[in-house]
Amino acid sequence: MSPAYDYDLVSSFPSVARDLVDIRYCDWIESSEYQPSAIYGYVKCEVTIYDWVIVSPIIKEDEDGSLITPTGTWETYLTKGEIDFVNKWEIGEVKILDGWWSIPKTKELPKPLAEPMDKRRTG
């Protein structure tokens, strides 16, 4: 049996990459408003993680370059997935300052890496 880290290195990338959509089938718009129909988003924002949160899922780099998961308020860049997580679990607030959003042009978006990644996973 392989050590756990071998499984993580070999299988984690393909399992995530297989579900990435082809962004050529999306329009990119710049907006400071949250875009619920976006498949992806990357925004500059002010995030607040409430003090009662024991382990924040939002990572920040501190002054000495260490990665920390603090509570409080700071300016950062987040993905749409991170914003959705904060909102779903009601662990904080996100004020979007500026962002880019990937809006699908069609209902069915191709996933060009699905087949090659499935082959990679099954060996």
PDB file of N, CA and C in Angstrom:
ATOM      1  N   MET A   1       0.843  -1.185   0.000  1.00  0.00           N
ATOM      2  CA  MET A   1       0.000   0.000   0.000  1.00  0.00           C
ATOM      3  C   MET A   1       0.883   1.241   0.000  1.00  0.00           C
ATOM      4  N   SER A   2       0.497   2.235  -0.798  1.00  0.00           N
ATOM      5  CA  SER A   2       1.265   3.478  -0.890  1.00  0.00           C
ATOM      6  C   SER A   2       1.011   4.359   0.321  1.00  0.00           C
ATOM      7  N   PRO A   3       2.028   5.109   0.720  1.00  0.00           N
ATOM      8  CA  PRO A   3       1.800   6.095   1.796  1.00  0.00           C
ATOM      9  C   PRO A   3       0.745   7.111   1.349  1.00  0.00           C
ATOM     10  N   ALA A   4       0.086   7.734   2.303  1.00  0.00           N
ATOM     11  CA  ALA A   4      -0.988   8.684   2.012  1.00  0.00           C
ATOM     12  C   ALA A   4      -0.519   9.824   1.111  1.00  0.00           C
ATOM     13  N   TYR A   5       0.688  10.298   1.307  1.00  0.00           N
ATOM     14  CA  TYR A   5       1.150  11.426   0.500  1.00  0.00           C
ATOM     15  C   TYR A   5       1.289  11.047  -0.971  1.00  0.00           C
ATOM     16  N   ASP A   6       1.605   9.779  -1.285  1.00  0.00           N
ATOM     17  CA  ASP A   6       1.666   9.362  -2.684  1.00  0.00           C
ATOM     18  C   ASP A   6       0.295   9.497  -3.333  1.00  0.00           C
ATOM     19  N   TYR A   7      -0.747   9.061  -2.640  1.00  0.00           N
ATOM     20  CA  TYR A   7      -2.101   9.165  -3.167  1.00  0.00           C
ATOM     21  C   TYR A   7      -2.463  10.623  -3.423  1.00  0.00           C
ATOM     22  N   ASP A   8      -2.144  11.491  -2.458  1.00  0.00           N
ATOM     23  CA  ASP A   8      -2.470  12.909  -2.610  1.00  0.00           C
ATOM     24  C   ASP A   8      -1.777  13.503  -3.822  1.00  0.00           C
ATOM     25  N   LEU A   9      -0.512  13.225  -4.000  1.00  0.00           N
ATOM     26  CA  LEU A   9       0.242  13.783  -5.121  1.00  0.00           C
ATOM     27  C   LEU A   9      -0.249  13.246  -6.454  1.00  0.00           C
ATOM     28  N   VAL A  10      -0.597  11.988  -6.510  1.00  0.00           N
ATOM     29  CA  VAL A  10      -0.976  11.361  -7.759  1.00  0.00           C
ATOM     30  C   VAL A  10      -2.429  11.633  -8.127  1.00  0.00           C
ATOM     31  N   SER A  11      -3.324  11.688  -7.161  1.00  0.00           N
ATOM     32  CA  SER A  11      -4.751  11.741  -7.460  1.00  0.00           C
ATOM     33  C   SER A  11      -5.428  13.085  -7.251  1.00  0.00           C
ATOM     34  N   SER A  12      -4.874  13.956  -6.450  1.00  0.00           N
ATOM     35  CA  SER A  12      -5.588  15.197  -6.160  1.00  0.00           C
ATOM     36  C   SER A  12      -5.674  16.106  -7.367  1.00  0.00           C
ATOM     37  N   PHE A  13      -4.603  16.277  -8.116  1.00  0.00           N
ATOM     38  CA  PHE A  13      -4.652  17.149  -9.282  1.00  0.00           C
ATOM     39  C   PHE A  13      -5.651  16.649 -10.322  1.00  0.00           C
ATOM     40  N   PRO A  14      -5.595  15.378 -10.737  1.00  0.00           N
ATOM     41  CA  PRO A  14      -6.558  14.932 -11.746  1.00  0.00           C
ATOM     42  C   PRO A  14      -8.012  15.054 -11.309  1.00  0.00           C
ATOM     43  N   SER A  15      -8.291  14.808 -10.041  1.00  0.00           N
ATOM     44  CA  SER A  15      -9.685  14.866  -9.601  1.00  0.00           C
ATOM     45  C   SER A  15     -10.233  16.290  -9.615  1.00  0.00           C
ATOM     46  N   VAL A  16      -9.385  17.282  -9.450  1.00  0.00           N
ATOM     47  CA  VAL A  16      -9.820  18.674  -9.535  1.00  0.00           C
ATOM     48  C   VAL A  16      -9.790  19.139 -10.981  1.00  0.00           C
ATOM     49  N   ALA A  17      -8.710  18.845 -11.690  1.00  0.00           N
ATOM     50  CA  ALA A  17      -8.536  19.324 -13.064  1.00  0.00           C
ATOM     51  C   ALA A  17      -9.618  18.791 -14.003  1.00  0.00           C
ATOM     52  N   ARG A  18     -10.112  17.594 -13.765  1.00  0.00           N
ATOM     53  CA  ARG A  18     -11.098  17.002 -14.670  1.00  0.00           C
ATOM     54  C   ARG A  18     -12.383  17.819 -14.751  1.00  0.00           C
ATOM     55  N   ASP A  19     -12.697  18.598 -13.724  1.00  0.00           N
ATOM     56  CA  ASP A  19     -13.939  19.371 -13.704  1.00  0.00           C
ATOM     57  C   ASP A  19     -13.773  20.822 -14.145  1.00  0.00           C
ATOM     58  N   LEU A  20     -12.563  21.216 -14.529  1.00  0.00           N
ATOM     59  CA  LEU A  20     -12.368  22.579 -15.021  1.00  0.00           C
ATOM     60  C   LEU A  20     -13.034  22.745 -16.380  1.00  0.00           C
ATOM     61  N   VAL A  21     -13.754  23.841 -16.535  1.00  0.00           N
ATOM     62  CA  VAL A  21     -14.459  24.078 -17.802  1.00  0.00           C
ATOM     63  C   VAL A  21     -13.580  24.872 -18.751  1.00  0.00           C
ATOM     64  N   ASP A  22     -13.909  24.791 -20.030  1.00  0.00           N
ATOM     65  CA  ASP A  22     -13.201  25.509 -21.082  1.00  0.00           C
ATOM     66  C   ASP A  22     -13.659  26.962 -21.076  1.00  0.00           C
ATOM     67  N   ILE A  23     -12.802  27.856 -20.602  1.00  0.00           N
ATOM     68  CA  ILE A  23     -13.193  29.263 -20.459  1.00  0.00           C
ATOM     69  C   ILE A  23     -13.347  29.975 -21.794  1.00  0.00           C
ATOM     70  N   ARG A  24     -13.004  29.326 -22.895  1.00  0.00           N
ATOM     71  CA  ARG A  24     -13.263  29.929 -24.212  1.00  0.00           C
ATOM     72  C   ARG A  24     -14.760  30.007 -24.484  1.00  0.00           C
ATOM     73  N   TYR A  25     -15.556  29.284 -23.723  1.00  0.00           N
ATOM     74  CA  TYR A  25     -17.016  29.306 -23.864  1.00  0.00           C
ATOM     75  C   TYR A  25     -17.657  30.229 -22.830  1.00  0.00           C
ATOM     76  N   CYS A  26     -16.878  31.177 -22.344  1.00  0.00           N
ATOM     77  CA  CYS A  26     -17.357  32.134 -21.341  1.00  0.00           C
ATOM     78  C   CYS A  26     -17.009  33.556 -21.777  1.00  0.00           C
ATOM     79  N   ASP A  27     -17.807  34.504 -21.306  1.00  0.00           N
ATOM     80  CA  ASP A  27     -17.476  35.911 -21.442  1.00  0.00           C
ATOM     81  C   ASP A  27     -16.880  36.362 -20.127  1.00  0.00           C
ATOM     82  N   TRP A  28     -15.846  37.191 -20.196  1.00  0.00           N
ATOM     83  CA  TRP A  28     -15.237  37.748 -18.991  1.00  0.00           C
ATOM     84  C   TRP A  28     -15.712  39.174 -18.820  1.00  0.00           C
ATOM     85  N   ILE A  29     -16.253  39.475 -17.650  1.00  0.00           N
ATOM     86  CA  ILE A  29     -16.702  40.838 -17.380  1.00  0.00           C
ATOM     87  C   ILE A  29     -16.020  41.355 -16.120  1.00  0.00           C
ATOM     88  N   GLU A  30     -15.797  42.655 -16.109  1.00  0.00           N
ATOM     89  CA  GLU A  30     -15.240  43.306 -14.929  1.00  0.00           C
ATOM     90  C   GLU A  30     -16.383  43.977 -14.192  1.00  0.00           C
ATOM     91  N   SER A  31     -16.502  43.688 -12.907  1.00  0.00           N
ATOM     92  CA  SER A  31     -17.589  44.262 -12.121  1.00  0.00           C
ATOM     93  C   SER A  31     -17.256  44.207 -10.640  1.00  0.00           C
ATOM     94  N   SER A  32     -17.704  45.223  -9.916  1.00  0.00           N
ATOM     95  CA  SER A  32     -17.548  45.216  -8.464  1.00  0.00           C
ATOM     96  C   SER A  32     -18.779  44.625  -7.781  1.00  0.00           C
ATOM     97  N   GLU A  33     -19.698  44.075  -8.572  1.00  0.00           N
ATOM     98  CA  GLU A  33     -20.872  43.402  -8.024  1.00  0.00           C
ATOM     99  C   GLU A  33     -20.719  41.900  -8.174  1.00  0.00           C
ATOM    100  N   TYR A  34     -21.143  41.168  -7.149  1.00  0.00           N
ATOM    101  CA  TYR A  34     -21.111  39.711  -7.183  1.00  0.00           C
ATOM    102  C   TYR A  34     -21.934  39.216  -8.373  1.00  0.00           C
ATOM    103  N   GLN A  35     -21.404  38.235  -9.095  1.00  0.00           N
ATOM    104  CA  GLN A  35     -22.064  37.679 -10.277  1.00  0.00           C
ATOM    105  C   GLN A  35     -22.458  36.224 -10.008  1.00  0.00           C
ATOM    106  N   PRO A  36     -23.708  35.989  -9.604  1.00  0.00           N
ATOM    107  CA  PRO A  36     -24.104  34.620  -9.257  1.00  0.00           C
ATOM    108  C   PRO A  36     -24.031  33.639 -10.424  1.00  0.00           C
ATOM    109  N   SER A  37     -24.161  34.120 -11.659  1.00  0.00           N
ATOM    110  CA  SER A  37     -24.124  33.214 -12.806  1.00  0.00           C
ATOM    111  C   SER A  37     -22.708  32.890 -13.264  1.00  0.00           C
ATOM    112  N   ALA A  38     -21.704  33.508 -12.655  1.00  0.00           N
ATOM    113  CA  ALA A  38     -20.308  33.253 -13.041  1.00  0.00           C
ATOM    114  C   ALA A  38     -19.884  31.858 -12.615  1.00  0.00           C
ATOM    115  N   ILE A  39     -19.102  31.225 -13.459  1.00  0.00           N
ATOM    116  CA  ILE A  39     -18.545  29.922 -13.115  1.00  0.00           C
ATOM    117  C   ILE A  39     -17.248  30.100 -12.322  1.00  0.00           C
ATOM    118  N   TYR A  40     -16.499  31.152 -12.668  1.00  0.00           N
ATOM    119  CA  TYR A  40     -15.283  31.510 -11.952  1.00  0.00           C
ATOM    120  C   TYR A  40     -15.296  33.008 -11.681  1.00  0.00           C
ATOM    121  N   GLY A  41     -14.565  33.430 -10.694  1.00  0.00           N
ATOM    122  CA  GLY A  41     -14.396  34.840 -10.408  1.00  0.00           C
ATOM    123  C   GLY A  41     -13.135  35.052  -9.605  1.00  0.00           C
ATOM    124  N   TYR A  42     -12.511  36.198  -9.803  1.00  0.00           N
ATOM    125  CA  TYR A  42     -11.318  36.570  -9.046  1.00  0.00           C
ATOM    126  C   TYR A  42     -11.458  38.039  -8.713  1.00  0.00           C
ATOM    127  N   VAL A  43     -11.522  38.359  -7.422  1.00  0.00           N
ATOM    128  CA  VAL A  43     -11.858  39.723  -7.026  1.00  0.00           C
ATOM    129  C   VAL A  43     -10.899  40.290  -5.986  1.00  0.00           C
ATOM    130  N   LYS A  44     -10.723  41.600  -6.072  1.00  0.00           N
ATOM    131  CA  LYS A  44     -10.062  42.343  -5.018  1.00  0.00           C
ATOM    132  C   LYS A  44     -11.167  42.737  -4.059  1.00  0.00           C
ATOM    133  N   CYS A  45     -10.953  42.500  -2.764  1.00  0.00           N
ATOM    134  CA  CYS A  45     -12.037  42.727  -1.821  1.00  0.00           C
ATOM    135  C   CYS A  45     -11.519  43.039  -0.428  1.00  0.00           C
ATOM    136  N   GLU A  46     -12.442  43.463   0.382  1.00  0.00           N
ATOM    137  CA  GLU A  46     -12.195  43.587   1.813  1.00  0.00           C
ATOM    138  C   GLU A  46     -12.973  42.454   2.463  1.00  0.00           C
ATOM    139  N   VAL A  47     -12.265  41.572   3.129  1.00  0.00           N
ATOM    140  CA  VAL A  47     -12.912  40.424   3.749  1.00  0.00           C
ATOM    141  C   VAL A  47     -12.871  40.583   5.264  1.00  0.00           C
ATOM    142  N   THR A  48     -13.968  40.220   5.887  1.00  0.00           N
ATOM    143  CA  THR A  48     -14.045  40.152   7.344  1.00  0.00           C
ATOM    144  C   THR A  48     -14.395  38.721   7.717  1.00  0.00           C
ATOM    145  N   ILE A  49     -13.571  38.115   8.543  1.00  0.00           N
ATOM    146  CA  ILE A  49     -13.875  36.806   9.112  1.00  0.00           C
ATOM    147  C   ILE A  49     -14.188  37.054  10.583  1.00  0.00           C
ATOM    148  N   TYR A  50     -15.384  36.639  10.992  1.00  0.00           N
ATOM    149  CA  TYR A  50     -15.849  36.911  12.356  1.00  0.00           C
ATOM    150  C   TYR A  50     -14.932  36.291  13.411  1.00  0.00           C
ATOM    151  N   ASP A  51     -14.849  36.950  14.552  1.00  0.00           N
ATOM    152  CA  ASP A  51     -13.976  36.519  15.644  1.00  0.00           C
ATOM    153  C   ASP A  51     -14.345  35.155  16.226  1.00  0.00           C
ATOM    154  N   TRP A  52     -15.601  34.737  16.097  1.00  0.00           N
ATOM    155  CA  TRP A  52     -15.997  33.444  16.668  1.00  0.00           C
ATOM    156  C   TRP A  52     -15.541  32.259  15.813  1.00  0.00           C
ATOM    157  N   VAL A  53     -15.033  32.526  14.604  1.00  0.00           N
ATOM    158  CA  VAL A  53     -14.572  31.445  13.722  1.00  0.00           C
ATOM    159  C   VAL A  53     -13.266  30.880  14.298  1.00  0.00           C
ATOM    160  N   ILE A  54     -13.257  29.591  14.581  1.00  0.00           N
ATOM    161  CA  ILE A  54     -12.099  28.969  15.218  1.00  0.00           C
ATOM    162  C   ILE A  54     -10.951  28.796  14.222  1.00  0.00           C
ATOM    163  N   VAL A  55     -11.243  28.283  13.022  1.00  0.00           N
ATOM    164  CA  VAL A  55     -10.227  28.124  11.979  1.00  0.00           C
ATOM    165  C   VAL A  55     -10.761  28.761  10.706  1.00  0.00           C
ATOM    166  N   SER A  56     -10.166  29.859  10.318  1.00  0.00           N
ATOM    167  CA  SER A  56     -10.590  30.556   9.107  1.00  0.00           C
ATOM    168  C   SER A  56     -10.106  29.805   7.867  1.00  0.00           C
ATOM    169  N   PRO A  57     -10.964  29.656   6.863  1.00  0.00           N
ATOM    170  CA  PRO A  57     -10.529  29.009   5.624  1.00  0.00           C
ATOM    171  C   PRO A  57      -9.814  29.978   4.682  1.00  0.00           C
ATOM    172  N   ILE A  58      -9.775  31.254   5.035  1.00  0.00           N
ATOM    173  CA  ILE A  58      -9.155  32.264   4.187  1.00  0.00           C
ATOM    174  C   ILE A  58      -7.722  32.493   4.664  1.00  0.00           C
ATOM    175  N   ILE A  59      -6.789  32.293   3.743  1.00  0.00           N
ATOM    176  CA  ILE A  59      -5.367  32.370   4.073  1.00  0.00           C
ATOM    177  C   ILE A  59      -4.836  33.770   3.776  1.00  0.00           C
ATOM    178  N   LYS A  60      -3.975  34.236   4.661  1.00  0.00           N
ATOM    179  CA  LYS A  60      -3.364  35.556   4.524  1.00  0.00           C
ATOM    180  C   LYS A  60      -1.869  35.412   4.792  1.00  0.00           C
ATOM    181  N   GLU A  61      -1.070  36.218   4.100  1.00  0.00           N
ATOM    182  CA  GLU A  61       0.367  36.242   4.358  1.00  0.00           C
ATOM    183  C   GLU A  61       0.656  37.347   5.365  1.00  0.00           C
ATOM    184  N   ASP A  62       1.361  37.009   6.450  1.00  0.00           N
ATOM    185  CA  ASP A  62       1.684  38.038   7.442  1.00  0.00           C
ATOM    186  C   ASP A  62       2.979  38.754   7.074  1.00  0.00           C
ATOM    187  N   GLU A  63       3.427  39.648   7.936  1.00  0.00           N
ATOM    188  CA  GLU A  63       4.571  40.505   7.647  1.00  0.00           C
ATOM    189  C   GLU A  63       5.851  39.738   7.336  1.00  0.00           C
ATOM    190  N   ASP A  64       6.060  38.584   7.971  1.00  0.00           N
ATOM    191  CA  ASP A  64       7.293  37.833   7.730  1.00  0.00           C
ATOM    192  C   ASP A  64       7.148  36.783   6.626  1.00  0.00           C
ATOM    193  N   GLY A  65       6.006  36.802   5.919  1.00  0.00           N
ATOM    194  CA  GLY A  65       5.800  35.882   4.797  1.00  0.00           C
ATOM    195  C   GLY A  65       5.152  34.567   5.166  1.00  0.00           C
ATOM    196  N   SER A  66       4.842  34.371   6.441  1.00  0.00           N
ATOM    197  CA  SER A  66       4.164  33.146   6.868  1.00  0.00           C
ATOM    198  C   SER A  66       2.697  33.201   6.470  1.00  0.00           C
ATOM    199  N   LEU A  67       2.137  32.044   6.168  1.00  0.00           N
ATOM    200  CA  LEU A  67       0.716  31.964   5.852  1.00  0.00           C
ATOM    201  C   LEU A  67      -0.065  31.736   7.131  1.00  0.00           C
ATOM    202  N   ILE A  68      -1.091  32.552   7.331  1.00  0.00           N
ATOM    203  CA  ILE A  68      -1.913  32.458   8.533  1.00  0.00           C
ATOM    204  C   ILE A  68      -3.382  32.415   8.136  1.00  0.00           C
ATOM    205  N   THR A  69      -4.236  32.018   9.062  1.00  0.00           N
ATOM    206  CA  THR A  69      -5.685  31.981   8.831  1.00  0.00           C
ATOM    207  C   THR A  69      -6.366  32.797   9.918  1.00  0.00           C
ATOM    208  N   PRO A  70      -6.294  34.118   9.791  1.00  0.00           N
ATOM    209  CA  PRO A  70      -6.765  34.985  10.873  1.00  0.00           C
ATOM    210  C   PRO A  70      -8.257  35.282  10.822  1.00  0.00           C
ATOM    211  N   THR A  71      -8.717  35.896  11.888  1.00  0.00           N
ATOM    212  CA  THR A  71     -10.026  36.531  11.888  1.00  0.00           C
ATOM    213  C   THR A  71      -9.766  38.031  11.809  1.00  0.00           C
ATOM    214  N   GLY A  72     -10.831  38.818  11.628  1.00  0.00           N
ATOM    215  CA  GLY A  72     -10.669  40.256  11.496  1.00  0.00           C
ATOM    216  C   GLY A  72     -10.964  40.699  10.077  1.00  0.00           C
ATOM    217  N   THR A  73     -10.479  41.887   9.724  1.00  0.00           N
ATOM    218  CA  THR A  73     -10.760  42.485   8.425  1.00  0.00           C
ATOM    219  C   THR A  73      -9.462  42.873   7.735  1.00  0.00           C
ATOM    220  N   TRP A  74      -9.335  42.544   6.457  1.00  0.00           N
ATOM    221  CA  TRP A  74      -8.179  42.943   5.673  1.00  0.00           C
ATOM    222  C   TRP A  74      -8.552  42.934   4.186  1.00  0.00           C
ATOM    223  N   GLU A  75      -7.712  43.576   3.385  1.00  0.00           N
ATOM    224  CA  GLU A  75      -7.902  43.608   1.936  1.00  0.00           C
ATOM    225  C   GLU A  75      -7.104  42.470   1.318  1.00  0.00           C
ATOM    226  N   THR A  76      -7.715  41.799   0.356  1.00  0.00           N
ATOM    227  CA  THR A  76      -7.071  40.643  -0.259  1.00  0.00           C
ATOM    228  C   THR A  76      -7.710  40.362  -1.615  1.00  0.00           C
ATOM    229  N   TYR A  77      -7.301  39.272  -2.231  1.00  0.00           N
ATOM    230  CA  TYR A  77      -7.918  38.765  -3.450  1.00  0.00           C
ATOM    231  C   TYR A  77      -8.529  37.410  -3.125  1.00  0.00           C
ATOM    232  N   LEU A  78      -9.771  37.204  -3.561  1.00  0.00           N
ATOM    233  CA  LEU A  78     -10.449  35.932  -3.341  1.00  0.00           C
ATOM    234  C   LEU A  78     -11.041  35.424  -4.646  1.00  0.00           C
ATOM    235  N   THR A  79     -11.243  34.123  -4.703  1.00  0.00           N
ATOM    236  CA  THR A  79     -11.965  33.524  -5.831  1.00  0.00           C
ATOM    237  C   THR A  79     -13.455  33.515  -5.519  1.00  0.00           C
ATOM    238  N   LYS A  80     -14.249  33.275  -6.542  1.00  0.00           N
ATOM    239  CA  LYS A  80     -15.692  33.167  -6.337  1.00  0.00           C
ATOM    240  C   LYS A  80     -15.994  32.022  -5.366  1.00  0.00           C
ATOM    241  N   GLY A  81     -15.255  30.937  -5.473  1.00  0.00           N
ATOM    242  CA  GLY A  81     -15.452  29.811  -4.567  1.00  0.00           C
ATOM    243  C   GLY A  81     -15.212  30.171  -3.111  1.00  0.00           C
ATOM    244  N   GLU A  82     -14.201  30.976  -2.859  1.00  0.00           N
ATOM    245  CA  GLU A  82     -13.926  31.404  -1.487  1.00  0.00           C
ATOM    246  C   GLU A  82     -15.024  32.335  -0.975  1.00  0.00           C
ATOM    247  N   ILE A  83     -15.490  33.238  -1.837  1.00  0.00           N
ATOM    248  CA  ILE A  83     -16.592  34.133  -1.456  1.00  0.00           C
ATOM    249  C   ILE A  83     -17.838  33.312  -1.146  1.00  0.00           C
ATOM    250  N   ASP A  84     -18.143  32.349  -2.012  1.00  0.00           N
ATOM    251  CA  ASP A  84     -19.313  31.501  -1.797  1.00  0.00           C
ATOM    252  C   ASP A  84     -19.205  30.738  -0.483  1.00  0.00           C
ATOM    253  N   PHE A  85     -18.016  30.263  -0.127  1.00  0.00           N
ATOM    254  CA  PHE A  85     -17.814  29.548   1.127  1.00  0.00           C
ATOM    255  C   PHE A  85     -18.088  30.456   2.323  1.00  0.00           C
ATOM    256  N   VAL A  86     -17.519  31.652   2.300  1.00  0.00           N
ATOM    257  CA  VAL A  86     -17.729  32.607   3.402  1.00  0.00           C
ATOM    258  C   VAL A  86     -19.222  32.888   3.567  1.00  0.00           C
ATOM    259  N   ASN A  87     -19.908  33.101   2.445  1.00  0.00           N
ATOM    260  CA  ASN A  87     -21.339  33.416   2.508  1.00  0.00           C
ATOM    261  C   ASN A  87     -22.188  32.210   2.910  1.00  0.00           C
ATOM    262  N   LYS A  88     -21.898  31.046   2.360  1.00  0.00           N
ATOM    263  CA  LYS A  88     -22.690  29.846   2.671  1.00  0.00           C
ATOM    264  C   LYS A  88     -22.660  29.522   4.161  1.00  0.00           C
ATOM    265  N   TRP A  89     -21.482  29.591   4.758  1.00  0.00           N
ATOM    266  CA  TRP A  89     -21.328  29.209   6.159  1.00  0.00           C
ATOM    267  C   TRP A  89     -21.468  30.393   7.105  1.00  0.00           C
ATOM    268  N   GLU A  90     -21.746  31.579   6.541  1.00  0.00           N
ATOM    269  CA  GLU A  90     -21.983  32.792   7.333  1.00  0.00           C
ATOM    270  C   GLU A  90     -20.872  33.037   8.347  1.00  0.00           C
ATOM    271  N   ILE A  91     -19.620  32.914   7.872  1.00  0.00           N
ATOM    272  CA  ILE A  91     -18.470  33.096   8.762  1.00  0.00           C
ATOM    273  C   ILE A  91     -17.841  34.477   8.622  1.00  0.00           C
ATOM    274  N   GLY A  92     -18.412  35.320   7.775  1.00  0.00           N
ATOM    275  CA  GLY A  92     -17.847  36.644   7.589  1.00  0.00           C
ATOM    276  C   GLY A  92     -18.597  37.427   6.526  1.00  0.00           C
ATOM    277  N   GLU A  93     -17.946  38.473   6.051  1.00  0.00           N
ATOM    278  CA  GLU A  93     -18.513  39.344   5.032  1.00  0.00           C
ATOM    279  C   GLU A  93     -17.441  39.661   4.005  1.00  0.00           C
ATOM    280  N   VAL A  94     -17.867  39.850   2.765  1.00  0.00           N
ATOM    281  CA  VAL A  94     -16.948  40.203   1.691  1.00  0.00           C
ATOM    282  C   VAL A  94     -17.488  41.434   0.982  1.00  0.00           C
ATOM    283  N   LYS A  95     -16.675  42.478   0.936  1.00  0.00           N
ATOM    284  CA  LYS A  95     -17.015  43.686   0.194  1.00  0.00           C
ATOM    285  C   LYS A  95     -16.138  43.699  -1.061  1.00  0.00           C
ATOM    286  N   ILE A  96     -16.757  43.510  -2.220  1.00  0.00           N
ATOM    287  CA  ILE A  96     -16.021  43.432  -3.473  1.00  0.00           C
ATOM    288  C   ILE A  96     -15.639  44.843  -3.923  1.00  0.00           C
ATOM    289  N   LEU A  97     -14.355  45.039  -4.189  1.00  0.00           N
ATOM    290  CA  LEU A  97     -13.855  46.325  -4.658  1.00  0.00           C
ATOM    291  C   LEU A  97     -13.755  46.348  -6.185  1.00  0.00           C
ATOM    292  N   ASP A  98     -13.323  45.242  -6.763  1.00  0.00           N
ATOM    293  CA  ASP A  98     -13.217  45.095  -8.209  1.00  0.00           C
ATOM    294  C   ASP A  98     -13.043  43.616  -8.496  1.00  0.00           C
ATOM    295  N   GLY A  99     -13.531  43.168  -9.636  1.00  0.00           N
ATOM    296  CA  GLY A  99     -13.377  41.756  -9.926  1.00  0.00           C
ATOM    297  C   GLY A  99     -13.581  41.417 -11.384  1.00  0.00           C
ATOM    298  N   TRP A 100     -13.111  40.250 -11.739  1.00  0.00           N
ATOM    299  CA  TRP A 100     -13.325  39.678 -13.068  1.00  0.00           C
ATOM    300  C   TRP A 100     -14.107  38.383 -12.899  1.00  0.00           C
ATOM    301  N   TRP A 101     -15.132  38.231 -13.731  1.00  0.00           N
ATOM    302  CA  TRP A 101     -16.073  37.125 -13.621  1.00  0.00           C
ATOM    303  C   TRP A 101     -16.191  36.409 -14.962  1.00  0.00           C
ATOM    304  N   SER A 102     -16.220  35.095 -14.913  1.00  0.00           N
ATOM    305  CA  SER A 102     -16.356  34.262 -16.106  1.00  0.00           C
ATOM    306  C   SER A 102     -17.811  33.789 -16.214  1.00  0.00           C
ATOM    307  N   ILE A 103     -18.531  34.365 -17.186  1.00  0.00           N
ATOM    308  CA  ILE A 103     -19.956  34.076 -17.366  1.00  0.00           C
ATOM    309  C   ILE A 103     -20.123  33.088 -18.521  1.00  0.00           C
ATOM    310  N   PRO A 104     -20.696  31.918 -18.288  1.00  0.00           N
ATOM    311  CA  PRO A 104     -20.873  30.930 -19.359  1.00  0.00           C
ATOM    312  C   PRO A 104     -21.775  31.450 -20.485  1.00  0.00           C
ATOM    313  N   LYS A 105     -21.381  31.126 -21.721  1.00  0.00           N
ATOM    314  CA  LYS A 105     -22.190  31.484 -22.896  1.00  0.00           C
ATOM    315  C   LYS A 105     -23.227  30.411 -23.208  1.00  0.00           C
ATOM    316  N   THR A 106     -23.001  29.198 -22.709  1.00  0.00           N
ATOM    317  CA  THR A 106     -23.908  28.078 -22.961  1.00  0.00           C
ATOM    318  C   THR A 106     -24.174  27.337 -21.657  1.00  0.00           C
ATOM    319  N   LYS A 107     -25.246  26.529 -21.658  1.00  0.00           N
ATOM    320  CA  LYS A 107     -25.568  25.747 -20.456  1.00  0.00           C
ATOM    321  C   LYS A 107     -24.575  24.623 -20.234  1.00  0.00           C
ATOM    322  N   GLU A 108     -24.194  23.958 -21.294  1.00  0.00           N
ATOM    323  CA  GLU A 108     -23.254  22.842 -21.212  1.00  0.00           C
ATOM    324  C   GLU A 108     -21.864  23.336 -21.599  1.00  0.00           C
ATOM    325  N   LEU A 109     -20.970  23.392 -20.638  1.00  0.00           N
ATOM    326  CA  LEU A 109     -19.601  23.829 -20.901  1.00  0.00           C
ATOM    327  C   LEU A 109     -18.687  22.620 -21.049  1.00  0.00           C
ATOM    328  N   PRO A 110     -17.894  22.601 -22.122  1.00  0.00           N
ATOM    329  CA  PRO A 110     -16.960  21.481 -22.289  1.00  0.00           C
ATOM    330  C   PRO A 110     -15.947  21.427 -21.150  1.00  0.00           C
ATOM    331  N   LYS A 111     -15.562  20.214 -20.820  1.00  0.00           N
ATOM    332  CA  LYS A 111     -14.516  19.973 -19.817  1.00  0.00           C
ATOM    333  C   LYS A 111     -13.397  19.203 -20.522  1.00  0.00           C
ATOM    334  N   PRO A 112     -12.502  19.936 -21.190  1.00  0.00           N
ATOM    335  CA  PRO A 112     -11.508  19.280 -22.039  1.00  0.00           C
ATOM    336  C   PRO A 112     -10.504  18.403 -21.297  1.00  0.00           C
ATOM    337  N   LEU A 113     -10.367  18.571 -20.013  1.00  0.00           N
ATOM    338  CA  LEU A 113      -9.404  17.757 -19.263  1.00  0.00           C
ATOM    339  C   LEU A 113     -10.030  16.506 -18.641  1.00  0.00           C
ATOM    340  N   ALA A 114     -11.345  16.372 -18.747  1.00  0.00           N
ATOM    341  CA  ALA A 114     -12.013  15.238 -18.090  1.00  0.00           C
ATOM    342  C   ALA A 114     -11.473  13.893 -18.570  1.00  0.00           C
ATOM    343  N   GLU A 115     -11.470  13.667 -19.864  1.00  0.00           N
ATOM    344  CA  GLU A 115     -11.027  12.374 -20.379  1.00  0.00           C
ATOM    345  C   GLU A 115      -9.539  12.104 -20.094  1.00  0.00           C
ATOM    346  N   PRO A 116      -8.636  13.044 -20.388  1.00  0.00           N
ATOM    347  CA  PRO A 116      -7.227  12.757 -20.077  1.00  0.00           C
ATOM    348  C   PRO A 116      -6.958  12.567 -18.583  1.00  0.00           C
ATOM    349  N   MET A 117      -7.659  13.302 -17.733  1.00  0.00           N
ATOM    350  CA  MET A 117      -7.432  13.154 -16.293  1.00  0.00           C
ATOM    351  C   MET A 117      -8.013  11.846 -15.779  1.00  0.00           C
ATOM    352  N   ASP A 118      -9.140  11.416 -16.340  1.00  0.00           N
ATOM    353  CA  ASP A 118      -9.692  10.124 -15.946  1.00  0.00           C
ATOM    354  C   ASP A 118      -8.735   9.006 -16.317  1.00  0.00           C
ATOM    355  N   LYS A 119      -8.099   9.114 -17.470  1.00  0.00           N
ATOM    356  CA  LYS A 119      -7.116   8.108 -17.874  1.00  0.00           C
ATOM    357  C   LYS A 119      -5.925   8.127 -16.930  1.00  0.00           C
ATOM    358  N   ARG A 120      -5.522   9.292 -16.493  1.00  0.00           N
ATOM    359  CA  ARG A 120      -4.391   9.444 -15.579  1.00  0.00           C
ATOM    360  C   ARG A 120      -4.689   8.800 -14.242  1.00  0.00           C
ATOM    361  N   ARG A 121      -5.924   8.971 -13.775  1.00  0.00           N
ATOM    362  CA  ARG A 121      -6.322   8.426 -12.470  1.00  0.00           C
ATOM    363  C   ARG A 121      -6.421   6.912 -12.488  1.00  0.00           C
ATOM    364  N   THR A 122      -6.850   6.355 -13.621  1.00  0.00           N
ATOM    365  CA  THR A 122      -7.030   4.904 -13.680  1.00  0.00           C
ATOM    366  C   THR A 122      -5.789   4.188 -14.170  1.00  0.00           C
ATOM    367  N   GLY A 123      -4.843   4.953 -14.644  1.00  0.00           N
ATOM    368  CA  GLY A 123      -3.548   4.417 -14.907  1.00  0.00           C
ATOM    369  C   GLY A 123      -3.255   3.847 -16.215  1.00  0.00           C
TER     370      GLY A 123
END
